[in-house]
Each structure stands twice: as C-alpha cells, then as structure tokens.
C-alpha cells in the first residue's frame, strides 16, 4: 500500500514531497542515531543523565530525519540527502522545519 504524502514548494521553488507520518520502525531508526552516540547513567539521586559521546550526533540525526521523511526533492528521489546538503541553506532550514513534527512523539487519539 502506498503511503499518503504531501507536496510543498521550497524557498527555491522546488517541489518537496514528504511522508505525512513515520512508522514506528522509521521513528526508531532516527532515535537509534541519538542513542548510539550518547551514554545514559544514573545519578546518585536515581535520576537518568544522558551525555552525548559523539559530536556528530546532530548532523547524523538530521540526516536520518531527512532519509526517513522525504520522498522526493525537485522531482526525483535520487541522492536526496546530498542534493539537499548542497542546496542553498534556506532549503535545508525549510525541510528540517517541515519534517520536525514527524519525529515528535505522537499525541494519543482522543
């Protein structure tokens, strides 16, 4: 079954096609990037404390968001990440803003 998508126009007037939701598996793939580059310990007070152990975590996390969320950019799905990284910075800012809600914790249905 083909998933529902939405089409947007970027600041550079290119077509961006995004998934309307991410599956649990896709969300876990993104979250794993963060977990693989951090360490969680328990403080003497019994509270969890997470420390980032790899400074590339933000770039890798954003890359995973793009790979899991973007269907196509400027009419093709080939080399999505590289083409977005090489585009004008406004393109990447726009894409990250649009895909950010997809990776937030979903709200329970009422």
Protein backbone atom coordinates (compact mmCIF):
# COMPACT_ATOMS: atom_id res chain seq x y z
CA UNK A 1 0.00 0.00 0.00
CA UNK A 2 1.36 3.39 -0.97
CA UNK A 3 1.62 5.91 1.84
CA UNK A 4 -0.07 9.31 1.76
CA UNK A 5 2.31 12.20 1.03
CA UNK A 6 2.12 15.95 0.88
CA UNK A 7 3.79 18.22 -1.67
CA UNK A 8 5.27 21.58 -0.74
CA UNK A 9 7.15 24.27 -2.61
CA UNK A 10 10.52 25.17 -1.10
CA UNK A 11 12.01 28.69 -0.92
CA UNK A 12 13.93 27.90 -4.14
CA UNK A 13 10.63 26.98 -5.86
CA UNK A 14 11.45 23.25 -5.93
CA UNK A 15 8.89 20.55 -5.20
CA UNK A 16 9.37 18.70 -1.93
CA UNK A 17 7.34 15.54 -1.29
CA UNK A 18 7.13 14.39 2.33
CA UNK A 19 5.52 11.45 4.07
CA UNK A 20 2.54 12.51 6.17
CA UNK A 21 3.63 10.26 9.04
CA UNK A 22 6.50 7.98 10.03
CA UNK A 23 6.02 4.40 11.07
CA UNK A 24 7.26 3.23 14.46
CA UNK A 25 10.15 1.49 12.69
CA UNK A 26 11.18 4.71 10.90
CA UNK A 27 10.96 6.70 14.15
CA UNK A 28 13.10 4.10 15.93
CA UNK A 29 15.70 4.26 13.16
CA UNK A 30 16.02 8.01 13.74
CA UNK A 31 16.08 7.67 17.53
CA UNK A 32 18.77 4.99 17.32
CA UNK A 33 21.18 7.55 15.82
CA UNK A 34 20.94 9.56 19.04
CA UNK A 35 21.13 6.53 21.31
CA UNK A 36 24.21 5.18 19.54
CA UNK A 37 26.05 8.46 20.13
CA UNK A 38 25.16 9.01 23.78
CA UNK A 39 25.51 7.34 27.13
CA UNK A 40 22.93 7.24 29.90
CA UNK A 41 23.90 6.84 33.53
CA UNK A 42 22.00 7.05 36.79
CA UNK A 43 22.92 9.87 39.17
CA UNK A 44 23.32 9.25 42.93
CA UNK A 45 19.80 10.73 43.25
CA UNK A 46 18.47 7.98 41.00
CA UNK A 47 17.80 10.27 38.02
CA UNK A 48 18.89 9.34 34.49
CA UNK A 49 21.59 11.53 32.95
CA UNK A 50 22.32 11.38 29.22
CA UNK A 51 25.60 12.59 27.78
CA UNK A 52 26.40 12.89 24.08
CA UNK A 53 29.55 10.91 23.30
CA UNK A 54 29.94 11.88 19.64
CA UNK A 55 29.81 15.47 18.38
CA UNK A 56 28.39 14.41 15.01
CA UNK A 57 25.09 13.40 16.64
CA UNK A 58 23.11 16.45 15.44
CA UNK A 59 24.22 16.14 11.81
CA UNK A 60 23.58 12.39 11.78
CA UNK A 61 20.19 12.86 13.47
CA UNK A 62 19.11 15.47 10.89
CA UNK A 63 20.35 13.23 8.07
CA UNK A 64 18.31 10.31 9.41
CA UNK A 65 15.23 12.55 9.66
CA UNK A 66 15.62 13.53 6.01
CA UNK A 67 16.24 9.98 4.77
CA UNK A 68 13.19 8.66 6.62
CA UNK A 69 10.80 11.58 5.87
CA UNK A 70 11.50 12.95 2.39
CA UNK A 71 10.08 11.09 -0.61
CA UNK A 72 11.46 13.35 -3.33
CA UNK A 73 13.08 16.72 -3.92
CA UNK A 74 12.97 18.65 -7.19
CA UNK A 75 11.17 15.78 -8.93
CA UNK A 76 13.43 12.86 -8.02
CA UNK A 77 14.27 10.64 -5.08
CA UNK A 78 17.87 10.07 -6.15
CA UNK A 79 20.64 11.34 -3.86
CA UNK A 80 18.13 13.23 -1.72
CA UNK A 81 20.42 13.91 1.18
CA UNK A 82 23.40 15.02 -0.91
CA UNK A 83 21.28 17.31 -3.06
CA UNK A 84 19.72 18.95 -0.01
CA UNK A 85 23.11 19.35 1.66
CA UNK A 86 24.45 21.01 -1.49
CA UNK A 87 21.43 23.30 -1.91
CA UNK A 88 21.02 26.83 -0.57
CA UNK A 89 20.87 26.82 3.26
CA UNK A 90 17.27 28.08 3.15
CA UNK A 91 16.27 24.78 1.53
CA UNK A 92 17.65 22.70 4.40
CA UNK A 93 16.14 25.01 7.02
CA UNK A 94 12.76 24.69 5.31
CA UNK A 95 12.98 20.90 5.04
CA UNK A 96 14.02 20.43 8.68
CA UNK A 97 11.20 22.70 9.86
CA UNK A 98 8.64 20.73 7.83
CA UNK A 99 9.82 17.26 8.89
CA UNK A 100 10.39 18.06 12.55
CA UNK A 101 6.76 17.37 13.58
CA UNK A 102 7.02 13.89 12.02
CA UNK A 103 9.65 12.86 14.55
CA UNK A 104 7.95 14.27 17.65
CA UNK A 105 6.16 11.88 19.99
CA UNK A 106 2.68 11.32 18.57
CA UNK A 107 -0.32 12.58 20.51
CA UNK A 108 -2.76 9.85 21.58
CA UNK A 109 -6.00 9.74 19.62
CA UNK A 110 -8.95 11.18 21.52
